[in-house]
Amino acid sequence: MIEYINKPGTNIIELCTAGVADNSKAKELTERLEADIQKHGKLRVLHEVRSPQGVDPSNFWKDARFALAHDQGFSHIALVTDVAWLTTMSQSTGPTLTADVKVFKRSQIEEARTWLKNA
């Protein structure tokens, strides 16, 4: 499941991945992100990955490719996860983006929100 939350009155979007992701929702999520980019110009995104079990790792590469293709649409990306391979992946792909990318542990989610809010 991937949850999409707009923070009213801001350009902050929160995504939360938990359990098995429903790939049929990918198009809907992409359309919502693109609409919010059109509305706000640049987004600040918090992506909390609670558990990637049942998720094909290639989906996270698709997310990275989406971010690269829409690079000008993101100013800050906070990845919130305790999953080591996602941290490693973000450290390798993050420098290729113009957005500031920072990884937080799940226990630091409020710090991630504060970082985005003050960005």
PDB file of N, CA and C in Angstrom:
ATOM      1  N   MET A   1       0.831  -1.175   0.000  1.00  0.00           N
ATOM      2  CA  MET A   1       0.000   0.000   0.000  1.00  0.00           C
ATOM      3  C   MET A   1       0.880   1.243   0.000  1.00  0.00           C
ATOM      4  N   ILE A   2       0.545   2.197  -0.829  1.00  0.00           N
ATOM      5  CA  ILE A   2       1.203   3.493  -0.830  1.00  0.00           C
ATOM      6  C   ILE A   2       0.134   4.549  -0.572  1.00  0.00           C
ATOM      7  N   GLU A   3       0.355   5.311   0.480  1.00  0.00           N
ATOM      8  CA  GLU A   3      -0.575   6.373   0.849  1.00  0.00           C
ATOM      9  C   GLU A   3       0.001   7.703   0.386  1.00  0.00           C
ATOM     10  N   TYR A   4      -0.856   8.574  -0.124  1.00  0.00           N
ATOM     11  CA  TYR A   4      -0.457   9.889  -0.642  1.00  0.00           C
ATOM     12  C   TYR A   4      -1.177  10.940   0.176  1.00  0.00           C
ATOM     13  N   ILE A   5      -0.421  11.813   0.837  1.00  0.00           N
ATOM     14  CA  ILE A   5      -1.022  12.825   1.699  1.00  0.00           C
ATOM     15  C   ILE A   5      -0.516  14.204   1.282  1.00  0.00           C
ATOM     16  N   ASN A   6      -1.455  15.088   0.931  1.00  0.00           N
ATOM     17  CA  ASN A   6      -1.119  16.485   0.667  1.00  0.00           C
ATOM     18  C   ASN A   6      -1.189  17.231   1.993  1.00  0.00           C
ATOM     19  N   LYS A   7      -0.192  18.038   2.269  1.00  0.00           N
ATOM     20  CA  LYS A   7      -0.235  18.898   3.445  1.00  0.00           C
ATOM     21  C   LYS A   7      -0.894  20.204   3.008  1.00  0.00           C
ATOM     22  N   PRO A   8      -2.145  20.459   3.420  1.00  0.00           N
ATOM     23  CA  PRO A   8      -2.907  21.628   2.951  1.00  0.00           C
ATOM     24  C   PRO A   8      -2.151  22.947   3.121  1.00  0.00           C
ATOM     25  N   GLY A   9      -2.215  23.767   2.083  1.00  0.00           N
ATOM     26  CA  GLY A   9      -1.595  25.076   2.107  1.00  0.00           C
ATOM     27  C   GLY A   9      -0.086  25.064   1.946  1.00  0.00           C
ATOM     28  N   THR A  10       0.489  23.906   1.607  1.00  0.00           N
ATOM     29  CA  THR A  10       1.935  23.808   1.431  1.00  0.00           C
ATOM     30  C   THR A  10       2.238  23.048   0.149  1.00  0.00           C
ATOM     31  N   ASN A  11       3.517  22.992  -0.175  1.00  0.00           N
ATOM     32  CA  ASN A  11       3.974  22.172  -1.296  1.00  0.00           C
ATOM     33  C   ASN A  11       4.617  20.881  -0.784  1.00  0.00           C
ATOM     34  N   ILE A  12       4.209  20.452   0.420  1.00  0.00           N
ATOM     35  CA  ILE A  12       4.752  19.238   1.023  1.00  0.00           C
ATOM     36  C   ILE A  12       3.804  18.069   0.771  1.00  0.00           C
ATOM     37  N   ILE A  13       4.375  16.996   0.260  1.00  0.00           N
ATOM     38  CA  ILE A  13       3.655  15.755  -0.014  1.00  0.00           C
ATOM     39  C   ILE A  13       4.285  14.665   0.834  1.00  0.00           C
ATOM     40  N   GLU A  14       3.453  13.829   1.437  1.00  0.00           N
ATOM     41  CA  GLU A  14       3.967  12.665   2.152  1.00  0.00           C
ATOM     42  C   GLU A  14       3.481  11.401   1.468  1.00  0.00           C
ATOM     43  N   LEU A  15       4.416  10.506   1.238  1.00  0.00           N
ATOM     44  CA  LEU A  15       4.118   9.176   0.719  1.00  0.00           C
ATOM     45  C   LEU A  15       4.482   8.186   1.810  1.00  0.00           C
ATOM     46  N   CYS A  16       3.668   7.175   1.982  1.00  0.00           N
ATOM     47  CA  CYS A  16       3.972   6.146   2.968  1.00  0.00           C
ATOM     48  C   CYS A  16       3.780   4.784   2.317  1.00  0.00           C
ATOM     49  N   THR A  17       4.850   3.995   2.295  1.00  0.00           N
ATOM     50  CA  THR A  17       4.805   2.649   1.754  1.00  0.00           C
ATOM     51  C   THR A  17       4.834   1.670   2.915  1.00  0.00           C
ATOM     52  N   ALA A  18       3.829   0.808   2.959  1.00  0.00           N
ATOM     53  CA  ALA A  18       3.754  -0.200   4.026  1.00  0.00           C
ATOM     54  C   ALA A  18       3.157  -1.471   3.442  1.00  0.00           C
ATOM     55  N   GLY A  19       3.795  -2.582   3.724  1.00  0.00           N
ATOM     56  CA  GLY A  19       3.278  -3.858   3.236  1.00  0.00           C
ATOM     57  C   GLY A  19       3.412  -3.974   1.739  1.00  0.00           C
ATOM     58  N   VAL A  20       2.499  -4.681   1.148  1.00  0.00           N
ATOM     59  CA  VAL A  20       2.533  -4.948  -0.284  1.00  0.00           C
ATOM     60  C   VAL A  20       1.998  -3.735  -1.040  1.00  0.00           C
ATOM     61  N   ALA A  21       2.833  -3.201  -1.922  1.00  0.00           N
ATOM     62  CA  ALA A  21       2.427  -2.054  -2.733  1.00  0.00           C
ATOM     63  C   ALA A  21       1.523  -2.522  -3.861  1.00  0.00           C
ATOM     64  N   ASP A  22       0.489  -1.751  -4.099  1.00  0.00           N
ATOM     65  CA  ASP A  22      -0.452  -2.040  -5.170  1.00  0.00           C
ATOM     66  C   ASP A  22       0.032  -1.336  -6.429  1.00  0.00           C
ATOM     67  N   ASN A  23       0.661  -2.094  -7.334  1.00  0.00           N
ATOM     68  CA  ASN A  23       1.232  -1.499  -8.543  1.00  0.00           C
ATOM     69  C   ASN A  23       0.181  -0.853  -9.431  1.00  0.00           C
ATOM     70  N   SER A  24      -1.083  -1.243  -9.288  1.00  0.00           N
ATOM     71  CA  SER A  24      -2.139  -0.645 -10.109  1.00  0.00           C
ATOM     72  C   SER A  24      -2.358   0.822  -9.736  1.00  0.00           C
ATOM     73  N   LYS A  25      -1.876   1.242  -8.586  1.00  0.00           N
ATOM     74  CA  LYS A  25      -2.035   2.630  -8.137  1.00  0.00           C
ATOM     75  C   LYS A  25      -0.902   3.529  -8.644  1.00  0.00           C
ATOM     76  N   ALA A  26       0.110   2.947  -9.271  1.00  0.00           N
ATOM     77  CA  ALA A  26       1.274   3.717  -9.703  1.00  0.00           C
ATOM     78  C   ALA A  26       0.885   4.858 -10.645  1.00  0.00           C
ATOM     79  N   LYS A  27       0.009   4.599 -11.590  1.00  0.00           N
ATOM     80  CA  LYS A  27      -0.403   5.637 -12.534  1.00  0.00           C
ATOM     81  C   LYS A  27      -1.127   6.761 -11.795  1.00  0.00           C
ATOM     82  N   GLU A  28      -1.998   6.397 -10.875  1.00  0.00           N
ATOM     83  CA  GLU A  28      -2.730   7.405 -10.095  1.00  0.00           C
ATOM     84  C   GLU A  28      -1.764   8.271  -9.279  1.00  0.00           C
ATOM     85  N   LEU A  29      -0.777   7.638  -8.633  1.00  0.00           N
ATOM     86  CA  LEU A  29       0.201   8.387  -7.847  1.00  0.00           C
ATOM     87  C   LEU A  29       1.019   9.324  -8.730  1.00  0.00           C
ATOM     88  N   THR A  30       1.421   8.826  -9.891  1.00  0.00           N
ATOM     89  CA  THR A  30       2.181   9.641 -10.832  1.00  0.00           C
ATOM     90  C   THR A  30       1.370  10.858 -11.264  1.00  0.00           C
ATOM     91  N   GLU A  31       0.107  10.643 -11.573  1.00  0.00           N
ATOM     92  CA  GLU A  31      -0.759  11.751 -11.996  1.00  0.00           C
ATOM     93  C   GLU A  31      -0.942  12.774 -10.876  1.00  0.00           C
ATOM     94  N   ARG A  32      -1.088  12.309  -9.645  1.00  0.00           N
ATOM     95  CA  ARG A  32      -1.245  13.229  -8.514  1.00  0.00           C
ATOM     96  C   ARG A  32       0.028  14.045  -8.294  1.00  0.00           C
ATOM     97  N   LEU A  33       1.186  13.382  -8.386  1.00  0.00           N
ATOM     98  CA  LEU A  33       2.450  14.108  -8.244  1.00  0.00           C
ATOM     99  C   LEU A  33       2.600  15.152  -9.344  1.00  0.00           C
ATOM    100  N   GLU A  34       2.318  14.762 -10.569  1.00  0.00           N
ATOM    101  CA  GLU A  34       2.446  15.705 -11.684  1.00  0.00           C
ATOM    102  C   GLU A  34       1.488  16.886 -11.518  1.00  0.00           C
ATOM    103  N   ALA A  35       0.272  16.626 -11.042  1.00  0.00           N
ATOM    104  CA  ALA A  35      -0.690  17.708 -10.803  1.00  0.00           C
ATOM    105  C   ALA A  35      -0.200  18.639  -9.699  1.00  0.00           C
ATOM    106  N   ASP A  36       0.376  18.074  -8.653  1.00  0.00           N
ATOM    107  CA  ASP A  36       0.891  18.913  -7.570  1.00  0.00           C
ATOM    108  C   ASP A  36       2.124  19.697  -8.000  1.00  0.00           C
ATOM    109  N   ILE A  37       2.938  19.130  -8.884  1.00  0.00           N
ATOM    110  CA  ILE A  37       4.074  19.874  -9.428  1.00  0.00           C
ATOM    111  C   ILE A  37       3.557  21.059 -10.245  1.00  0.00           C
ATOM    112  N   GLN A  38       2.529  20.819 -11.048  1.00  0.00           N
ATOM    113  CA  GLN A  38       1.930  21.911 -11.842  1.00  0.00           C
ATOM    114  C   GLN A  38       1.382  23.006 -10.934  1.00  0.00           C
ATOM    115  N   LYS A  39       0.769  22.605  -9.846  1.00  0.00           N
ATOM    116  CA  LYS A  39       0.141  23.554  -8.918  1.00  0.00           C
ATOM    117  C   LYS A  39       1.178  24.362  -8.143  1.00  0.00           C
ATOM    118  N   HIS A  40       2.228  23.699  -7.651  1.00  0.00           N
ATOM    119  CA  HIS A  40       3.170  24.339  -6.738  1.00  0.00           C
ATOM    120  C   HIS A  40       4.514  24.693  -7.366  1.00  0.00           C
ATOM    121  N   GLY A  41       4.806  24.155  -8.529  1.00  0.00           N
ATOM    122  CA  GLY A  41       6.120  24.390  -9.134  1.00  0.00           C
ATOM    123  C   GLY A  41       7.135  23.372  -8.661  1.00  0.00           C
ATOM    124  N   LYS A  42       7.463  23.404  -7.383  1.00  0.00           N
ATOM    125  CA  LYS A  42       8.397  22.436  -6.800  1.00  0.00           C
ATOM    126  C   LYS A  42       7.766  21.847  -5.551  1.00  0.00           C
ATOM    127  N   LEU A  43       7.986  20.559  -5.377  1.00  0.00           N
ATOM    128  CA  LEU A  43       7.454  19.862  -4.210  1.00  0.00           C
ATOM    129  C   LEU A  43       8.563  19.516  -3.243  1.00  0.00           C
ATOM    130  N   ARG A  44       8.187  19.451  -1.978  1.00  0.00           N
ATOM    131  CA  ARG A  44       9.035  18.886  -0.931  1.00  0.00           C
ATOM    132  C   ARG A  44       8.353  17.577  -0.545  1.00  0.00           C
ATOM    133  N   VAL A  45       9.081  16.485  -0.653  1.00  0.00           N
ATOM    134  CA  VAL A  45       8.481  15.159  -0.504  1.00  0.00           C
ATOM    135  C   VAL A  45       9.107  14.398   0.657  1.00  0.00           C
ATOM    136  N   LEU A  46       8.244  13.841   1.493  1.00  0.00           N
ATOM    137  CA  LEU A  46       8.668  12.903   2.522  1.00  0.00           C
ATOM    138  C   LEU A  46       8.151  11.545   2.093  1.00  0.00           C
ATOM    139  N   HIS A  47       9.049  10.581   1.938  1.00  0.00           N
ATOM    140  CA  HIS A  47       8.639   9.214   1.594  1.00  0.00           C
ATOM    141  C   HIS A  47       9.058   8.311   2.736  1.00  0.00           C
ATOM    142  N   GLU A  48       8.059   7.877   3.482  1.00  0.00           N
ATOM    143  CA  GLU A  48       8.304   6.958   4.587  1.00  0.00           C
ATOM    144  C   GLU A  48       8.096   5.536   4.082  1.00  0.00           C
ATOM    145  N   VAL A  49       9.113   4.715   4.223  1.00  0.00           N
ATOM    146  CA  VAL A  49       9.008   3.309   3.853  1.00  0.00           C
ATOM    147  C   VAL A  49       8.997   2.524   5.153  1.00  0.00           C
ATOM    148  N   ARG A  50       7.805   2.081   5.527  1.00  0.00           N
ATOM    149  CA  ARG A  50       7.672   1.330   6.775  1.00  0.00           C
ATOM    150  C   ARG A  50       8.150  -0.096   6.595  1.00  0.00           C
ATOM    151  N   SER A  51       7.710  -0.720   5.518  1.00  0.00           N
ATOM    152  CA  SER A  51       8.157  -2.082   5.236  1.00  0.00           C
ATOM    153  C   SER A  51       8.029  -2.331   3.744  1.00  0.00           C
ATOM    154  N   PRO A  52       9.130  -2.699   3.109  1.00  0.00           N
ATOM    155  CA  PRO A  52       9.075  -2.958   1.675  1.00  0.00           C
ATOM    156  C   PRO A  52       8.773  -4.413   1.345  1.00  0.00           C
ATOM    157  N   GLN A  53       8.343  -5.216   2.341  1.00  0.00           N
ATOM    158  CA  GLN A  53       8.049  -6.618   2.071  1.00  0.00           C
ATOM    159  C   GLN A  53       6.966  -6.717   1.000  1.00  0.00           C
ATOM    160  N   GLY A  54       7.194  -7.614   0.059  1.00  0.00           N
ATOM    161  CA  GLY A  54       6.227  -7.814  -1.002  1.00  0.00           C
ATOM    162  C   GLY A  54       6.347  -6.796  -2.113  1.00  0.00           C
ATOM    163  N   VAL A  55       7.323  -5.894  -2.002  1.00  0.00           N
ATOM    164  CA  VAL A  55       7.523  -4.878  -3.025  1.00  0.00           C
ATOM    165  C   VAL A  55       8.714  -5.272  -3.870  1.00  0.00           C
ATOM    166  N   ASP A  56       8.522  -5.294  -5.147  1.00  0.00           N
ATOM    167  CA  ASP A  56       9.612  -5.576  -6.075  1.00  0.00           C
ATOM    168  C   ASP A  56      10.609  -4.419  -6.015  1.00  0.00           C
ATOM    169  N   PRO A  57      11.884  -4.667  -5.689  1.00  0.00           N
ATOM    170  CA  PRO A  57      12.864  -3.579  -5.612  1.00  0.00           C
ATOM    171  C   PRO A  57      12.932  -2.729  -6.877  1.00  0.00           C
ATOM    172  N   SER A  58      12.556  -3.297  -8.010  1.00  0.00           N
ATOM    173  CA  SER A  58      12.587  -2.503  -9.239  1.00  0.00           C
ATOM    174  C   SER A  58      11.600  -1.342  -9.173  1.00  0.00           C
ATOM    175  N   ASN A  59      10.570  -1.447  -8.321  1.00  0.00           N
ATOM    176  CA  ASN A  59       9.635  -0.331  -8.171  1.00  0.00           C
ATOM    177  C   ASN A  59      10.326   0.890  -7.594  1.00  0.00           C
ATOM    178  N   PHE A  60      11.281   0.671  -6.702  1.00  0.00           N
ATOM    179  CA  PHE A  60      12.003   1.802  -6.148  1.00  0.00           C
ATOM    180  C   PHE A  60      12.912   2.426  -7.197  1.00  0.00           C
ATOM    181  N   TRP A  61      13.424   1.625  -8.117  1.00  0.00           N
ATOM    182  CA  TRP A  61      14.201   2.183  -9.228  1.00  0.00           C
ATOM    183  C   TRP A  61      13.285   2.975 -10.148  1.00  0.00           C
ATOM    184  N   LYS A  62      12.041   2.523 -10.314  1.00  0.00           N
ATOM    185  CA  LYS A  62      11.073   3.291 -11.105  1.00  0.00           C
ATOM    186  C   LYS A  62      10.817   4.634 -10.439  1.00  0.00           C
ATOM    187  N   ASP A  63      10.729   4.640  -9.096  1.00  0.00           N
ATOM    188  CA  ASP A  63      10.567   5.897  -8.365  1.00  0.00           C
ATOM    189  C   ASP A  63      11.747   6.817  -8.625  1.00  0.00           C
ATOM    190  N   ALA A  64      12.945   6.250  -8.599  1.00  0.00           N
ATOM    191  CA  ALA A  64      14.147   7.046  -8.851  1.00  0.00           C
ATOM    192  C   ALA A  64      14.132   7.603 -10.268  1.00  0.00           C
ATOM    193  N   ARG A  65      13.713   6.795 -11.229  1.00  0.00           N
ATOM    194  CA  ARG A  65      13.637   7.269 -12.619  1.00  0.00           C
ATOM    195  C   ARG A  65      12.596   8.372 -12.757  1.00  0.00           C
ATOM    196  N   PHE A  66      11.455   8.241 -12.049  1.00  0.00           N
ATOM    197  CA  PHE A  66      10.435   9.289 -12.063  1.00  0.00           C
ATOM    198  C   PHE A  66      11.037  10.585 -11.513  1.00  0.00           C
ATOM    199  N   ALA A  67      11.758  10.469 -10.398  1.00  0.00           N
ATOM    200  CA  ALA A  67      12.379  11.650  -9.804  1.00  0.00           C
ATOM    201  C   ALA A  67      13.375  12.295 -10.767  1.00  0.00           C
ATOM    202  N   LEU A  68      14.156  11.482 -11.464  1.00  0.00           N
ATOM    203  CA  LEU A  68      15.104  12.022 -12.439  1.00  0.00           C
ATOM    204  C   LEU A  68      14.384  12.720 -13.586  1.00  0.00           C
ATOM    205  N   ALA A  69      13.300  12.121 -14.062  1.00  0.00           N
ATOM    206  CA  ALA A  69      12.549  12.695 -15.179  1.00  0.00           C
ATOM    207  C   ALA A  69      11.834  13.985 -14.784  1.00  0.00           C
ATOM    208  N   HIS A  70      11.486  14.099 -13.516  1.00  0.00           N
ATOM    209  CA  HIS A  70      10.769  15.266 -13.008  1.00  0.00           C
ATOM    210  C   HIS A  70      11.658  16.071 -12.051  1.00  0.00           C
ATOM    211  N   ASP A  71      12.947  16.005 -12.284  1.00  0.00           N
ATOM    212  CA  ASP A  71      13.933  16.577 -11.377  1.00  0.00           C
ATOM    213  C   ASP A  71      13.623  18.022 -10.988  1.00  0.00           C
ATOM    214  N   GLN A  72      13.190  18.816 -11.925  1.00  0.00           N
ATOM    215  CA  GLN A  72      12.916  20.226 -11.636  1.00  0.00           C
ATOM    216  C   GLN A  72      11.658  20.412 -10.790  1.00  0.00           C
ATOM    217  N   GLY A  73      10.924  19.337 -10.566  1.00  0.00           N
ATOM    218  CA  GLY A  73       9.683  19.420  -9.784  1.00  0.00           C
ATOM    219  C   GLY A  73       9.856  19.168  -8.299  1.00  0.00           C
ATOM    220  N   PHE A  74      11.090  18.892  -7.867  1.00  0.00           N
ATOM    221  CA  PHE A  74      11.334  18.594  -6.452  1.00  0.00           C
ATOM    222  C   PHE A  74      12.460  19.474  -5.924  1.00  0.00           C
ATOM    223  N   SER A  75      12.230  20.078  -4.763  1.00  0.00           N
ATOM    224  CA  SER A  75      13.305  20.863  -4.147  1.00  0.00           C
ATOM    225  C   SER A  75      13.979  20.083  -3.025  1.00  0.00           C
ATOM    226  N   HIS A  76      13.204  19.278  -2.290  1.00  0.00           N
ATOM    227  CA  HIS A  76      13.727  18.512  -1.163  1.00  0.00           C
ATOM    228  C   HIS A  76      13.025  17.161  -1.104  1.00  0.00           C
ATOM    229  N   ILE A  77      13.798  16.124  -0.822  1.00  0.00           N
ATOM    230  CA  ILE A  77      13.241  14.782  -0.667  1.00  0.00           C
ATOM    231  C   ILE A  77      13.800  14.192   0.614  1.00  0.00           C
ATOM    232  N   ALA A  78      12.899  13.816   1.521  1.00  0.00           N
ATOM    233  CA  ALA A  78      13.284  13.151   2.764  1.00  0.00           C
ATOM    234  C   ALA A  78      12.848  11.697   2.660  1.00  0.00           C
ATOM    235  N   LEU A  79      13.803  10.793   2.688  1.00  0.00           N
ATOM    236  CA  LEU A  79      13.496   9.365   2.713  1.00  0.00           C
ATOM    237  C   LEU A  79      13.568   8.925   4.164  1.00  0.00           C
ATOM    238  N   VAL A  80      12.470   8.374   4.660  1.00  0.00           N
ATOM    239  CA  VAL A  80      12.390   7.941   6.055  1.00  0.00           C
ATOM    240  C   VAL A  80      12.261   6.427   6.057  1.00  0.00           C
ATOM    241  N   THR A  81      13.331   5.747   6.500  1.00  0.00           N
ATOM    242  CA  THR A  81      13.330   4.292   6.450  1.00  0.00           C
ATOM    243  C   THR A  81      14.418   3.719   7.351  1.00  0.00           C
ATOM    244  N   ASP A  82      14.206   2.502   7.761  1.00  0.00           N
ATOM    245  CA  ASP A  82      15.232   1.745   8.470  1.00  0.00           C
ATOM    246  C   ASP A  82      15.772   0.627   7.582  1.00  0.00           C
ATOM    247  N   VAL A  83      15.395   0.627   6.313  1.00  0.00           N
ATOM    248  CA  VAL A  83      15.803  -0.413   5.370  1.00  0.00           C
ATOM    249  C   VAL A  83      17.149  -0.024   4.758  1.00  0.00           C
ATOM    250  N   ALA A  84      18.175  -0.811   5.076  1.00  0.00           N
ATOM    251  CA  ALA A  84      19.553  -0.468   4.698  1.00  0.00           C
ATOM    252  C   ALA A  84      19.737  -0.310   3.194  1.00  0.00           C
ATOM    253  N   TRP A  85      19.164  -1.226   2.384  1.00  0.00           N
ATOM    254  CA  TRP A  85      19.419  -1.144   0.949  1.00  0.00           C
ATOM    255  C   TRP A  85      18.772   0.093   0.330  1.00  0.00           C
ATOM    256  N   LEU A  86      17.686   0.598   0.927  1.00  0.00           N
ATOM    257  CA  LEU A  86      17.076   1.830   0.419  1.00  0.00           C
ATOM    258  C   LEU A  86      17.950   3.037   0.750  1.00  0.00           C
ATOM    259  N   THR A  87      18.553   2.998   1.929  1.00  0.00           N
ATOM    260  CA  THR A  87      19.475   4.072   2.308  1.00  0.00           C
ATOM    261  C   THR A  87      20.644   4.110   1.334  1.00  0.00           C
ATOM    262  N   THR A  88      21.204   2.946   1.037  1.00  0.00           N
ATOM    263  CA  THR A  88      22.319   2.860   0.095  1.00  0.00           C
ATOM    264  C   THR A  88      21.906   3.347  -1.286  1.00  0.00           C
ATOM    265  N   MET A  89      20.724   2.926  -1.740  1.00  0.00           N
ATOM    266  CA  MET A  89      20.251   3.336  -3.058  1.00  0.00           C
ATOM    267  C   MET A  89      20.071   4.851  -3.124  1.00  0.00           C
ATOM    268  N   SER A  90      19.501   5.439  -2.077  1.00  0.00           N
ATOM    269  CA  SER A  90      19.279   6.885  -2.099  1.00  0.00           C
ATOM    270  C   SER A  90      20.601   7.645  -2.073  1.00  0.00           C
ATOM    271  N   GLN A  91      21.585   7.093  -1.407  1.00  0.00           N
ATOM    272  CA  GLN A  91      22.891   7.746  -1.374  1.00  0.00           C
ATOM    273  C   GLN A  91      23.570   7.696  -2.742  1.00  0.00           C
ATOM    274  N   SER A  92      23.244   6.675  -3.529  1.00  0.00           N
ATOM    275  CA  SER A  92      23.857   6.581  -4.852  1.00  0.00           C
ATOM    276  C   SER A  92      23.091   7.385  -5.899  1.00  0.00           C
ATOM    277  N   THR A  93      21.766   7.480  -5.769  1.00  0.00           N
ATOM    278  CA  THR A  93      20.989   8.229  -6.761  1.00  0.00           C
ATOM    279  C   THR A  93      20.765   9.684  -6.365  1.00  0.00           C
ATOM    280  N   GLY A  94      20.776   9.971  -5.067  1.00  0.00           N
ATOM    281  CA  GLY A  94      20.526  11.328  -4.588  1.00  0.00           C
ATOM    282  C   GLY A  94      21.402  12.392  -5.215  1.00  0.00           C
ATOM    283  N   PRO A  95      22.713  12.153  -5.331  1.00  0.00           N
ATOM    284  CA  PRO A  95      23.584  13.182  -5.921  1.00  0.00           C
ATOM    285  C   PRO A  95      23.269  13.500  -7.386  1.00  0.00           C
ATOM    286  N   THR A  96      22.524  12.660  -8.068  1.00  0.00           N
ATOM    287  CA  THR A  96      22.190  12.930  -9.462  1.00  0.00           C
ATOM    288  C   THR A  96      21.000  13.875  -9.592  1.00  0.00           C
ATOM    289  N   LEU A  97      20.342  14.178  -8.484  1.00  0.00           N
ATOM    290  CA  LEU A  97      19.168  15.058  -8.490  1.00  0.00           C
ATOM    291  C   LEU A  97      19.559  16.481  -8.113  1.00  0.00           C
ATOM    292  N   THR A  98      18.790  17.443  -8.584  1.00  0.00           N
ATOM    293  CA  THR A  98      19.018  18.818  -8.149  1.00  0.00           C
ATOM    294  C   THR A  98      18.380  19.059  -6.786  1.00  0.00           C
ATOM    295  N   ALA A  99      17.453  18.223  -6.387  1.00  0.00           N
ATOM    296  CA  ALA A  99      16.814  18.347  -5.072  1.00  0.00           C
ATOM    297  C   ALA A  99      17.788  17.949  -3.972  1.00  0.00           C
ATOM    298  N   ASP A 100      17.604  18.560  -2.819  1.00  0.00           N
ATOM    299  CA  ASP A 100      18.347  18.119  -1.640  1.00  0.00           C
ATOM    300  C   ASP A 100      17.703  16.834  -1.161  1.00  0.00           C
ATOM    301  N   VAL A 101      18.489  15.782  -0.996  1.00  0.00           N
ATOM    302  CA  VAL A 101      17.983  14.479  -0.550  1.00  0.00           C
ATOM    303  C   VAL A 101      18.646  14.149   0.775  1.00  0.00           C
ATOM    304  N   LYS A 102      17.817  13.772   1.731  1.00  0.00           N
ATOM    305  CA  LYS A 102      18.340  13.419   3.050  1.00  0.00           C
ATOM    306  C   LYS A 102      17.608  12.182   3.543  1.00  0.00           C
ATOM    307  N   VAL A 103      18.342  11.278   4.178  1.00  0.00           N
ATOM    308  CA  VAL A 103      17.762  10.043   4.701  1.00  0.00           C
ATOM    309  C   VAL A 103      17.633  10.168   6.216  1.00  0.00           C
ATOM    310  N   PHE A 104      16.477   9.759   6.717  1.00  0.00           N
ATOM    311  CA  PHE A 104      16.193   9.766   8.144  1.00  0.00           C
ATOM    312  C   PHE A 104      15.762   8.370   8.566  1.00  0.00           C
ATOM    313  N   LYS A 105      16.075   7.993   9.784  1.00  0.00           N
ATOM    314  CA  LYS A 105      15.551   6.746  10.348  1.00  0.00           C
ATOM    315  C   LYS A 105      14.090   6.973  10.691  1.00  0.00           C
ATOM    316  N   ARG A 106      13.324   5.898  10.800  1.00  0.00           N
ATOM    317  CA  ARG A 106      11.896   6.039  11.098  1.00  0.00           C
ATOM    318  C   ARG A 106      11.667   6.743  12.432  1.00  0.00           C
ATOM    319  N   SER A 107      12.569   6.564  13.373  1.00  0.00           N
ATOM    320  CA  SER A 107      12.441   7.247  14.666  1.00  0.00           C
ATOM    321  C   SER A 107      12.663   8.755  14.537  1.00  0.00           C
ATOM    322  N   GLN A 108      13.140   9.207  13.378  1.00  0.00           N
ATOM    323  CA  GLN A 108      13.423  10.617  13.139  1.00  0.00           C
ATOM    324  C   GLN A 108      12.391  11.275  12.216  1.00  0.00           C
ATOM    325  N   ILE A 109      11.214  10.690  12.093  1.00  0.00           N
ATOM    326  CA  ILE A 109      10.233  11.214  11.130  1.00  0.00           C
ATOM    327  C   ILE A 109       9.853  12.663  11.420  1.00  0.00           C
ATOM    328  N   GLU A 110       9.750  13.032  12.677  1.00  0.00           N
ATOM    329  CA  GLU A 110       9.407  14.426  12.992  1.00  0.00           C
ATOM    330  C   GLU A 110      10.533  15.370  12.582  1.00  0.00           C
ATOM    331  N   GLU A 111      11.779  14.921  12.707  1.00  0.00           N
ATOM    332  CA  GLU A 111      12.912  15.716  12.230  1.00  0.00           C
ATOM    333  C   GLU A 111      12.832  15.896  10.719  1.00  0.00           C
ATOM    334  N   ALA A 112      12.435  14.846  10.019  1.00  0.00           N
ATOM    335  CA  ALA A 112      12.279  14.935   8.561  1.00  0.00           C
ATOM    336  C   ALA A 112      11.196  15.949   8.201  1.00  0.00           C
ATOM    337  N   ARG A 113      10.082  15.888   8.910  1.00  0.00           N
ATOM    338  CA  ARG A 113       8.990  16.849   8.645  1.00  0.00           C
ATOM    339  C   ARG A 113       9.453  18.282   8.916  1.00  0.00           C
ATOM    340  N   THR A 114      10.191  18.469  10.006  1.00  0.00           N
ATOM    341  CA  THR A 114      10.691  19.804  10.339  1.00  0.00           C
ATOM    342  C   THR A 114      11.676  20.281   9.274  1.00  0.00           C
ATOM    343  N   TRP A 115      12.537  19.388   8.798  1.00  0.00           N
ATOM    344  CA  TRP A 115      13.502  19.737   7.752  1.00  0.00           C
ATOM    345  C   TRP A 115      12.767  20.226   6.501  1.00  0.00           C
ATOM    346  N   LEU A 116      11.723  19.494   6.101  1.00  0.00           N
ATOM    347  CA  LEU A 116      10.965  19.900   4.913  1.00  0.00           C
ATOM    348  C   LEU A 116      10.214  21.206   5.152  1.00  0.00           C
ATOM    349  N   LYS A 117       9.607  21.338   6.313  1.00  0.00           N
ATOM    350  CA  LYS A 117       8.832  22.540   6.621  1.00  0.00           C
ATOM    351  C   LYS A 117       9.716  23.788   6.584  1.00  0.00           C
ATOM    352  N   ASN A 118      10.952  23.670   7.062  1.00  0.00           N
ATOM    353  CA  ASN A 118      11.854  24.822   7.133  1.00  0.00           C
ATOM    354  C   ASN A 118      12.708  25.001   5.883  1.00  0.00           C
ATOM    355  N   ALA A 119      12.534  24.132   4.914  1.00  0.00           N
ATOM    356  CA  ALA A 119      13.353  24.197   3.697  1.00  0.00           C
ATOM    357  C   ALA A 119      13.005  25.427   2.857  1.00  0.00           C
TER     358      ALA A 119
END
